[in-house]
ModelCIF file with pLDDT and N, C-alpha, C, O atoms, coordinates in Angstrom:
data_MODEL
#
_entry.id   MODEL 
#
_entity.id                         1 
_entity.type                       polymer 
_entity.pdbx_number_of_molecules   1 
#
_entity_poly.entity_id                      1 
_entity_poly.type                           'polypeptide(L)' 
_entity_poly.nstd_linkage                   no 
_entity_poly.nstd_monomer                   no 
_entity_poly.pdbx_seq_one_letter_code       FSGGNLSLRVSNAFYVTPKYAGEEMRWDLLPEHLVEVSLA 
_entity_poly.pdbx_seq_one_letter_code_can   FSGGNLSLRVSNAFYVTPKYAGEEMRWDLLPEHLVEVSLA 
_entity_poly.pdbx_strand_id                 A 
#
loop_
_entity_poly_seq.entity_id 
_entity_poly_seq.num 
_entity_poly_seq.mon_id 
_entity_poly_seq.hetero 
1 1  PHE n 
1 2  SER n 
1 3  GLY n 
1 4  GLY n 
1 5  ASN n 
1 6  LEU n 
1 7  SER n 
1 8  LEU n 
1 9  ARG n 
1 10 VAL n 
1 11 SER n 
1 12 ASN n 
1 13 ALA n 
1 14 PHE n 
1 15 TYR n 
1 16 VAL n 
1 17 THR n 
1 18 PRO n 
1 19 LYS n 
1 20 TYR n 
1 21 ALA n 
1 22 GLY n 
1 23 GLU n 
1 24 GLU n 
1 25 MET n 
1 26 ARG n 
1 27 TRP n 
1 28 ASP n 
1 29 LEU n 
1 30 LEU n 
1 31 PRO n 
1 32 GLU n 
1 33 HIS n 
1 34 LEU n 
1 35 VAL n 
1 36 GLU n 
1 37 VAL n 
1 38 SER n 
1 39 LEU n 
1 40 ALA n 
#
_struct_asym.id          A 
_struct_asym.entity_id   1 
#
loop_
_ma_qa_metric.id 
_ma_qa_metric.mode 
_ma_qa_metric.name 
_ma_qa_metric.software_group_id 
_ma_qa_metric.type 
1 global pLDDT . pLDDT 
2 local  pLDDT . pLDDT 
#
_ma_qa_metric_global.metric_id      1 
_ma_qa_metric_global.metric_value   95.92 
_ma_qa_metric_global.model_id       1 
_ma_qa_metric_global.ordinal_id     1 
#
loop_
_ma_qa_metric_local.label_asym_id 
_ma_qa_metric_local.label_comp_id 
_ma_qa_metric_local.label_seq_id 
_ma_qa_metric_local.metric_id 
_ma_qa_metric_local.metric_value 
_ma_qa_metric_local.model_id 
_ma_qa_metric_local.ordinal_id 
A PHE 1  2 93.00 1 1  
A SER 2  2 89.00 1 2  
A GLY 3  2 89.00 1 3  
A GLY 4  2 96.00 1 4  
A ASN 5  2 98.00 1 5  
A LEU 6  2 98.00 1 6  
A SER 7  2 98.00 1 7  
A LEU 8  2 98.00 1 8  
A ARG 9  2 98.00 1 9  
A VAL 10 2 95.00 1 10 
A SER 11 2 89.00 1 11 
A ASN 12 2 93.00 1 12 
A ALA 13 2 97.00 1 13 
A PHE 14 2 98.00 1 14 
A TYR 15 2 98.00 1 15 
A VAL 16 2 98.00 1 16 
A THR 17 2 98.00 1 17 
A PRO 18 2 98.00 1 18 
A LYS 19 2 96.00 1 19 
A TYR 20 2 96.00 1 20 
A ALA 21 2 97.00 1 21 
A GLY 22 2 95.00 1 22 
A GLU 23 2 94.00 1 23 
A GLU 24 2 95.00 1 24 
A MET 25 2 95.00 1 25 
A ARG 26 2 96.00 1 26 
A TRP 27 2 97.00 1 27 
A ASP 28 2 97.00 1 28 
A LEU 29 2 97.00 1 29 
A LEU 30 2 97.00 1 30 
A PRO 31 2 97.00 1 31 
A GLU 32 2 95.00 1 32 
A HIS 33 2 97.00 1 33 
A LEU 34 2 98.00 1 34 
A VAL 35 2 98.00 1 35 
A GLU 36 2 97.00 1 36 
A VAL 37 2 97.00 1 37 
A SER 38 2 96.00 1 38 
A LEU 39 2 97.00 1 39 
A ALA 40 2 92.00 1 40 
#
loop_
_atom_site.group_PDB 
_atom_site.id 
_atom_site.type_symbol 
_atom_site.label_atom_id 
_atom_site.label_alt_id 
_atom_site.label_comp_id 
_atom_site.label_asym_id 
_atom_site.label_entity_id 
_atom_site.label_seq_id 
_atom_site.pdbx_PDB_ins_code 
_atom_site.Cartn_x 
_atom_site.Cartn_y 
_atom_site.Cartn_z 
_atom_site.occupancy 
_atom_site.B_iso_or_equiv 
_atom_site.pdbx_formal_charge 
_atom_site.auth_seq_id 
_atom_site.auth_comp_id 
_atom_site.auth_asym_id 
_atom_site.auth_atom_id 
_atom_site.pdbx_PDB_model_num 
ATOM 1   N N  . PHE A 1 1  ? -37.906 -7.800  12.652 1.00 93.00 ? 1  PHE A N  1 
ATOM 2   C CA . PHE A 1 1  ? -37.588 -6.403  12.409 1.00 93.00 ? 1  PHE A CA 1 
ATOM 3   C C  . PHE A 1 1  ? -37.206 -5.650  13.679 1.00 93.00 ? 1  PHE A C  1 
ATOM 4   O O  . PHE A 1 1  ? -36.855 -4.472  13.613 1.00 93.00 ? 1  PHE A O  1 
ATOM 5   N N  . SER A 1 2  ? -37.270 -6.309  14.831 1.00 89.00 ? 2  SER A N  1 
ATOM 6   C CA . SER A 1 2  ? -36.942 -5.635  16.085 1.00 89.00 ? 2  SER A CA 1 
ATOM 7   C C  . SER A 1 2  ? -35.451 -5.667  16.399 1.00 89.00 ? 2  SER A C  1 
ATOM 8   O O  . SER A 1 2  ? -34.979 -4.911  17.248 1.00 89.00 ? 2  SER A O  1 
ATOM 9   N N  . GLY A 1 3  ? -34.719 -6.526  15.726 1.00 89.00 ? 3  GLY A N  1 
ATOM 10  C CA . GLY A 1 3  ? -33.295 -6.602  16.013 1.00 89.00 ? 3  GLY A CA 1 
ATOM 11  C C  . GLY A 1 3  ? -32.685 -7.882  15.487 1.00 89.00 ? 3  GLY A C  1 
ATOM 12  O O  . GLY A 1 3  ? -33.251 -8.550  14.622 1.00 89.00 ? 3  GLY A O  1 
ATOM 13  N N  . GLY A 1 4  ? -31.520 -8.216  16.023 1.00 96.00 ? 4  GLY A N  1 
ATOM 14  C CA . GLY A 1 4  ? -30.767 -9.361  15.530 1.00 96.00 ? 4  GLY A CA 1 
ATOM 15  C C  . GLY A 1 4  ? -29.633 -8.907  14.635 1.00 96.00 ? 4  GLY A C  1 
ATOM 16  O O  . GLY A 1 4  ? -29.610 -7.763  14.181 1.00 96.00 ? 4  GLY A O  1 
ATOM 17  N N  . ASN A 1 5  ? -28.698 -9.797  14.382 1.00 98.00 ? 5  ASN A N  1 
ATOM 18  C CA . ASN A 1 5  ? -27.539 -9.463  13.552 1.00 98.00 ? 5  ASN A CA 1 
ATOM 19  C C  . ASN A 1 5  ? -26.857 -10.740 13.117 1.00 98.00 ? 5  ASN A C  1 
ATOM 20  O O  . ASN A 1 5  ? -27.012 -11.782 13.754 1.00 98.00 ? 5  ASN A O  1 
ATOM 21  N N  . LEU A 1 6  ? -26.108 -10.666 12.044 1.00 98.00 ? 6  LEU A N  1 
ATOM 22  C CA . LEU A 1 6  ? -25.310 -11.803 11.605 1.00 98.00 ? 6  LEU A CA 1 
ATOM 23  C C  . LEU A 1 6  ? -24.015 -11.328 10.999 1.00 98.00 ? 6  LEU A C  1 
ATOM 24  O O  . LEU A 1 6  ? -23.878 -10.169 10.605 1.00 98.00 ? 6  LEU A O  1 
ATOM 25  N N  . SER A 1 7  ? -23.062 -12.242 10.928 1.00 98.00 ? 7  SER A N  1 
ATOM 26  C CA . SER A 1 7  ? -21.748 -11.878 10.414 1.00 98.00 ? 7  SER A CA 1 
ATOM 27  C C  . SER A 1 7  ? -21.111 -13.070 9.730  1.00 98.00 ? 7  SER A C  1 
ATOM 28  O O  . SER A 1 7  ? -21.534 -14.215 9.887  1.00 98.00 ? 7  SER A O  1 
ATOM 29  N N  . LEU A 1 8  ? -20.071 -12.755 8.961  1.00 98.00 ? 8  LEU A N  1 
ATOM 30  C CA . LEU A 1 8  ? -19.335 -13.772 8.210  1.00 98.00 ? 8  LEU A CA 1 
ATOM 31  C C  . LEU A 1 8  ? -17.858 -13.446 8.267  1.00 98.00 ? 8  LEU A C  1 
ATOM 32  O O  . LEU A 1 8  ? -17.451 -12.316 7.997  1.00 98.00 ? 8  LEU A O  1 
ATOM 33  N N  . ARG A 1 9  ? -17.044 -14.455 8.626  1.00 98.00 ? 9  ARG A N  1 
ATOM 34  C CA . ARG A 1 9  ? -15.595 -14.247 8.644  1.00 98.00 ? 9  ARG A CA 1 
ATOM 35  C C  . ARG A 1 9  ? -15.036 -14.372 7.227  1.00 98.00 ? 9  ARG A C  1 
ATOM 36  O O  . ARG A 1 9  ? -15.356 -15.315 6.504  1.00 98.00 ? 9  ARG A O  1 
ATOM 37  N N  . VAL A 1 10 ? -14.216 -13.431 6.851  1.00 95.00 ? 10 VAL A N  1 
ATOM 38  C CA . VAL A 1 10 ? -13.501 -13.493 5.574  1.00 95.00 ? 10 VAL A CA 1 
ATOM 39  C C  . VAL A 1 10 ? -12.067 -13.037 5.823  1.00 95.00 ? 10 VAL A C  1 
ATOM 40  O O  . VAL A 1 10 ? -11.824 -11.958 6.366  1.00 95.00 ? 10 VAL A O  1 
ATOM 41  N N  . SER A 1 11 ? -11.124 -13.883 5.415  1.00 89.00 ? 11 SER A N  1 
ATOM 42  C CA . SER A 1 11 ? -9.719  -13.580 5.629  1.00 89.00 ? 11 SER A CA 1 
ATOM 43  C C  . SER A 1 11 ? -9.494  -13.291 7.111  1.00 89.00 ? 11 SER A C  1 
ATOM 44  O O  . SER A 1 11 ? -9.935  -14.073 7.953  1.00 89.00 ? 11 SER A O  1 
ATOM 45  N N  . ASN A 1 12 ? -8.820  -12.187 7.457  1.00 93.00 ? 12 ASN A N  1 
ATOM 46  C CA . ASN A 1 12 ? -8.531  -11.861 8.844  1.00 93.00 ? 12 ASN A CA 1 
ATOM 47  C C  . ASN A 1 12 ? -9.441  -10.754 9.355  1.00 93.00 ? 12 ASN A C  1 
ATOM 48  O O  . ASN A 1 12 ? -9.010  -9.829  10.044 1.00 93.00 ? 12 ASN A O  1 
ATOM 49  N N  . ALA A 1 13 ? -10.721 -10.879 8.991  1.00 97.00 ? 13 ALA A N  1 
ATOM 50  C CA . ALA A 1 13 ? -11.719 -9.890  9.398  1.00 97.00 ? 13 ALA A CA 1 
ATOM 51  C C  . ALA A 1 13 ? -13.086 -10.556 9.360  1.00 97.00 ? 13 ALA A C  1 
ATOM 52  O O  . ALA A 1 13 ? -13.212 -11.706 8.939  1.00 97.00 ? 13 ALA A O  1 
ATOM 53  N N  . PHE A 1 14 ? -14.105 -9.833  9.799  1.00 98.00 ? 14 PHE A N  1 
ATOM 54  C CA . PHE A 1 14 ? -15.464 -10.307 9.586  1.00 98.00 ? 14 PHE A CA 1 
ATOM 55  C C  . PHE A 1 14 ? -16.335 -9.138  9.150  1.00 98.00 ? 14 PHE A C  1 
ATOM 56  O O  . PHE A 1 14 ? -16.054 -7.979  9.454  1.00 98.00 ? 14 PHE A O  1 
ATOM 57  N N  . TYR A 1 15 ? -17.392 -9.472  8.434  1.00 98.00 ? 15 TYR A N  1 
ATOM 58  C CA . TYR A 1 15 ? -18.371 -8.481  7.993  1.00 98.00 ? 15 TYR A CA 1 
ATOM 59  C C  . TYR A 1 15 ? -19.654 -8.710  8.782  1.00 98.00 ? 15 TYR A C  1 
ATOM 60  O O  . TYR A 1 15 ? -20.164 -9.828  8.854  1.00 98.00 ? 15 TYR A O  1 
ATOM 61  N N  . VAL A 1 16 ? -20.164 -7.632  9.372  1.00 98.00 ? 16 VAL A N  1 
ATOM 62  C CA . VAL A 1 16 ? -21.340 -7.736  10.220 1.00 98.00 ? 16 VAL A CA 1 
ATOM 63  C C  . VAL A 1 16 ? -22.426 -6.795  9.703  1.00 98.00 ? 16 VAL A C  1 
ATOM 64  O O  . VAL A 1 16 ? -22.134 -5.775  9.078  1.00 98.00 ? 16 VAL A O  1 
ATOM 65  N N  . THR A 1 17 ? -23.675 -7.148  9.970  1.00 98.00 ? 17 THR A N  1 
ATOM 66  C CA . THR A 1 17 ? -24.782 -6.295  9.554  1.00 98.00 ? 17 THR A CA 1 
ATOM 67  C C  . THR A 1 17 ? -24.739 -4.977  10.323 1.00 98.00 ? 17 THR A C  1 
ATOM 68  O O  . THR A 1 17 ? -24.252 -4.934  11.453 1.00 98.00 ? 17 THR A O  1 
ATOM 69  N N  . PRO A 1 18 ? -25.243 -3.906  9.719  1.00 98.00 ? 18 PRO A N  1 
ATOM 70  C CA . PRO A 1 18 ? -25.187 -2.593  10.362 1.00 98.00 ? 18 PRO A CA 1 
ATOM 71  C C  . PRO A 1 18 ? -26.293 -2.408  11.394 1.00 98.00 ? 18 PRO A C  1 
ATOM 72  O O  . PRO A 1 18 ? -27.202 -3.231  11.502 1.00 98.00 ? 18 PRO A O  1 
ATOM 73  N N  . LYS A 1 19 ? -26.203 -1.332  12.140 1.00 96.00 ? 19 LYS A N  1 
ATOM 74  C CA . LYS A 1 19 ? -27.271 -0.965  13.063 1.00 96.00 ? 19 LYS A CA 1 
ATOM 75  C C  . LYS A 1 19 ? -28.573 -0.777  12.292 1.00 96.00 ? 19 LYS A C  1 
ATOM 76  O O  . LYS A 1 19 ? -28.571 -0.303  11.156 1.00 96.00 ? 19 LYS A O  1 
ATOM 77  N N  . TYR A 1 20 ? -29.668 -1.148  12.915 1.00 96.00 ? 20 TYR A N  1 
ATOM 78  C CA . TYR A 1 20 ? -31.014 -0.965  12.365 1.00 96.00 ? 20 TYR A CA 1 
ATOM 79  C C  . TYR A 1 20 ? -31.256 -1.743  11.067 1.00 96.00 ? 20 TYR A C  1 
ATOM 80  O O  . TYR A 1 20 ? -32.086 -1.355  10.244 1.00 96.00 ? 20 TYR A O  1 
ATOM 81  N N  . ALA A 1 21 ? -30.515 -2.851  10.897 1.00 97.00 ? 21 ALA A N  1 
ATOM 82  C CA . ALA A 1 21 ? -30.696 -3.664  9.689  1.00 97.00 ? 21 ALA A CA 1 
ATOM 83  C C  . ALA A 1 21 ? -32.109 -4.215  9.597  1.00 97.00 ? 21 ALA A C  1 
ATOM 84  O O  . ALA A 1 21 ? -32.641 -4.379  8.499  1.00 97.00 ? 21 ALA A O  1 
ATOM 85  N N  . GLY A 1 22 ? -32.718 -4.500  10.734 1.00 95.00 ? 22 GLY A N  1 
ATOM 86  C CA . GLY A 1 22 ? -34.090 -4.997  10.745 1.00 95.00 ? 22 GLY A CA 1 
ATOM 87  C C  . GLY A 1 22 ? -35.101 -3.881  10.819 1.00 95.00 ? 22 GLY A C  1 
ATOM 88  O O  . GLY A 1 22 ? -36.021 -3.808  10.004 1.00 95.00 ? 22 GLY A O  1 
ATOM 89  N N  . GLU A 1 23 ? -34.932 -3.011  11.796 1.00 94.00 ? 23 GLU A N  1 
ATOM 90  C CA . GLU A 1 23 ? -35.921 -1.965  12.071 1.00 94.00 ? 23 GLU A CA 1 
ATOM 91  C C  . GLU A 1 23 ? -36.095 -0.994  10.909 1.00 94.00 ? 23 GLU A C  1 
ATOM 92  O O  . GLU A 1 23 ? -37.223 -0.672  10.536 1.00 94.00 ? 23 GLU A O  1 
ATOM 93  N N  . GLU A 1 24 ? -34.995 -0.526  10.336 1.00 95.00 ? 24 GLU A N  1 
ATOM 94  C CA . GLU A 1 24 ? -35.076 0.488   9.285  1.00 95.00 ? 24 GLU A CA 1 
ATOM 95  C C  . GLU A 1 24 ? -34.883 -0.091  7.887  1.00 95.00 ? 24 GLU A C  1 
ATOM 96  O O  . GLU A 1 24 ? -35.509 0.365   6.930  1.00 95.00 ? 24 GLU A O  1 
ATOM 97  N N  . MET A 1 25 ? -34.025 -1.086  7.772  1.00 95.00 ? 25 MET A N  1 
ATOM 98  C CA . MET A 1 25 ? -33.682 -1.601  6.452  1.00 95.00 ? 25 MET A CA 1 
ATOM 99  C C  . MET A 1 25 ? -34.478 -2.847  6.076  1.00 95.00 ? 25 MET A C  1 
ATOM 100 O O  . MET A 1 25 ? -34.411 -3.321  4.942  1.00 95.00 ? 25 MET A O  1 
ATOM 101 N N  . ARG A 1 26 ? -35.237 -3.373  7.046  1.00 96.00 ? 26 ARG A N  1 
ATOM 102 C CA . ARG A 1 26 ? -36.081 -4.549  6.804  1.00 96.00 ? 26 ARG A CA 1 
ATOM 103 C C  . ARG A 1 26 ? -35.295 -5.717  6.215  1.00 96.00 ? 26 ARG A C  1 
ATOM 104 O O  . ARG A 1 26 ? -35.828 -6.523  5.452  1.00 96.00 ? 26 ARG A O  1 
ATOM 105 N N  . TRP A 1 27 ? -34.027 -5.789  6.584  1.00 97.00 ? 27 TRP A N  1 
ATOM 106 C CA . TRP A 1 27 ? -33.119 -6.845  6.125  1.00 97.00 ? 27 TRP A CA 1 
ATOM 107 C C  . TRP A 1 27 ? -32.917 -6.847  4.606  1.00 97.00 ? 27 TRP A C  1 
ATOM 108 O O  . TRP A 1 27 ? -32.498 -7.854  4.035  1.00 97.00 ? 27 TRP A O  1 
ATOM 109 N N  . ASP A 1 28 ? -33.211 -5.732  3.964  1.00 97.00 ? 28 ASP A N  1 
ATOM 110 C CA . ASP A 1 28 ? -32.994 -5.599  2.518  1.00 97.00 ? 28 ASP A CA 1 
ATOM 111 C C  . ASP A 1 28 ? -31.585 -5.050  2.311  1.00 97.00 ? 28 ASP A C  1 
ATOM 112 O O  . ASP A 1 28 ? -31.399 -3.867  2.027  1.00 97.00 ? 28 ASP A O  1 
ATOM 113 N N  . LEU A 1 29 ? -30.600 -5.928  2.458  1.00 97.00 ? 29 LEU A N  1 
ATOM 114 C CA . LEU A 1 29 ? -29.199 -5.523  2.503  1.00 97.00 ? 29 LEU A CA 1 
ATOM 115 C C  . LEU A 1 29 ? -28.457 -5.791  1.203  1.00 97.00 ? 29 LEU A C  1 
ATOM 116 O O  . LEU A 1 29 ? -28.796 -6.701  0.446  1.00 97.00 ? 29 LEU A O  1 
ATOM 117 N N  . LEU A 1 30 ? -27.443 -4.981  0.967  1.00 97.00 ? 30 LEU A N  1 
ATOM 118 C CA . LEU A 1 30 ? -26.476 -5.185  -0.099 1.00 97.00 ? 30 LEU A CA 1 
ATOM 119 C C  . LEU A 1 30 ? -25.096 -5.323  0.549  1.00 97.00 ? 30 LEU A C  1 
ATOM 120 O O  . LEU A 1 30 ? -24.904 -4.872  1.679  1.00 97.00 ? 30 LEU A O  1 
ATOM 121 N N  . PRO A 1 31 ? -24.135 -5.936  -0.145 1.00 97.00 ? 31 PRO A N  1 
ATOM 122 C CA . PRO A 1 31 ? -22.805 -6.092  0.454  1.00 97.00 ? 31 PRO A CA 1 
ATOM 123 C C  . PRO A 1 31 ? -22.195 -4.787  0.961  1.00 97.00 ? 31 PRO A C  1 
ATOM 124 O O  . PRO A 1 31 ? -21.491 -4.786  1.971  1.00 97.00 ? 31 PRO A O  1 
ATOM 125 N N  . GLU A 1 32 ? -22.458 -3.677  0.269  1.00 95.00 ? 32 GLU A N  1 
ATOM 126 C CA . GLU A 1 32 ? -21.863 -2.407  0.695  1.00 95.00 ? 32 GLU A CA 1 
ATOM 127 C C  . GLU A 1 32 ? -22.481 -1.847  1.981  1.00 95.00 ? 32 GLU A C  1 
ATOM 128 O O  . GLU A 1 32 ? -21.951 -0.895  2.555  1.00 95.00 ? 32 GLU A O  1 
ATOM 129 N N  . HIS A 1 33 ? -23.580 -2.420  2.430  1.00 97.00 ? 33 HIS A N  1 
ATOM 130 C CA . HIS A 1 33 ? -24.148 -2.016  3.711  1.00 97.00 ? 33 HIS A CA 1 
ATOM 131 C C  . HIS A 1 33 ? -23.413 -2.672  4.874  1.00 97.00 ? 33 HIS A C  1 
ATOM 132 O O  . HIS A 1 33 ? -23.449 -2.164  5.995  1.00 97.00 ? 33 HIS A O  1 
ATOM 133 N N  . LEU A 1 34 ? -22.752 -3.790  4.620  1.00 98.00 ? 34 LEU A N  1 
ATOM 134 C CA . LEU A 1 34 ? -22.094 -4.552  5.680  1.00 98.00 ? 34 LEU A CA 1 
ATOM 135 C C  . LEU A 1 34 ? -20.862 -3.810  6.173  1.00 98.00 ? 34 LEU A C  1 
ATOM 136 O O  . LEU A 1 34 ? -20.249 -3.042  5.432  1.00 98.00 ? 34 LEU A O  1 
ATOM 137 N N  . VAL A 1 35 ? -20.508 -4.046  7.422  1.00 98.00 ? 35 VAL A N  1 
ATOM 138 C CA . VAL A 1 35 ? -19.415 -3.319  8.065  1.00 98.00 ? 35 VAL A CA 1 
ATOM 139 C C  . VAL A 1 35 ? -18.253 -4.268  8.328  1.00 98.00 ? 35 VAL A C  1 
ATOM 140 O O  . VAL A 1 35 ? -18.435 -5.320  8.940  1.00 98.00 ? 35 VAL A O  1 
ATOM 141 N N  . GLU A 1 36 ? -17.075 -3.906  7.874  1.00 97.00 ? 36 GLU A N  1 
ATOM 142 C CA . GLU A 1 36 ? -15.882 -4.729  8.077  1.00 97.00 ? 36 GLU A CA 1 
ATOM 143 C C  . GLU A 1 36 ? -15.260 -4.447  9.441  1.00 97.00 ? 36 GLU A C  1 
ATOM 144 O O  . GLU A 1 36 ? -15.099 -3.295  9.844  1.00 97.00 ? 36 GLU A O  1 
ATOM 145 N N  . VAL A 1 37 ? -14.918 -5.516  10.134 1.00 97.00 ? 37 VAL A N  1 
ATOM 146 C CA . VAL A 1 37 ? -14.247 -5.410  11.433 1.00 97.00 ? 37 VAL A CA 1 
ATOM 147 C C  . VAL A 1 37 ? -12.995 -6.276  11.391 1.00 97.00 ? 37 VAL A C  1 
ATOM 148 O O  . VAL A 1 37 ? -13.076 -7.471  11.107 1.00 97.00 ? 37 VAL A O  1 
ATOM 149 N N  . SER A 1 38 ? -11.861 -5.694  11.665 1.00 96.00 ? 38 SER A N  1 
ATOM 150 C CA . SER A 1 38 ? -10.597 -6.421  11.598 1.00 96.00 ? 38 SER A CA 1 
ATOM 151 C C  . SER A 1 38 ? -10.441 -7.359  12.786 1.00 96.00 ? 38 SER A C  1 
ATOM 152 O O  . SER A 1 38 ? -10.851 -7.048  13.904 1.00 96.00 ? 38 SER A O  1 
ATOM 153 N N  . LEU A 1 39 ? -9.836  -8.521  12.519 1.00 97.00 ? 39 LEU A N  1 
ATOM 154 C CA . LEU A 1 39 ? -9.479  -9.475  13.556 1.00 97.00 ? 39 LEU A CA 1 
ATOM 155 C C  . LEU A 1 39 ? -7.970  -9.589  13.702 1.00 97.00 ? 39 LEU A C  1 
ATOM 156 O O  . LEU A 1 39 ? -7.472  -10.463 14.412 1.00 97.00 ? 39 LEU A O  1 
ATOM 157 N N  . ALA A 1 40 ? -7.246  -8.706  13.031 1.00 92.00 ? 40 ALA A N  1 
ATOM 158 C CA . ALA A 1 40 ? -5.792  -8.803  12.991 1.00 92.00 ? 40 ALA A CA 1 
ATOM 159 C C  . ALA A 1 40 ? -5.161  -8.590  14.362 1.00 92.00 ? 40 ALA A C  1 
ATOM 160 O O  . ALA A 1 40 ? -3.938  -8.641  14.493 1.00 92.00 ? 40 ALA A O  1 
#
């Protein structure tokens, strides 16, 4: 719960966990919480 992060590449982008995913969200995530980052 102190930190850490993970991501998954999809198409020409990746989805990464948001800030405070451990500390505040206790890793109780839904897909809409994830953040898309373009690799284009």
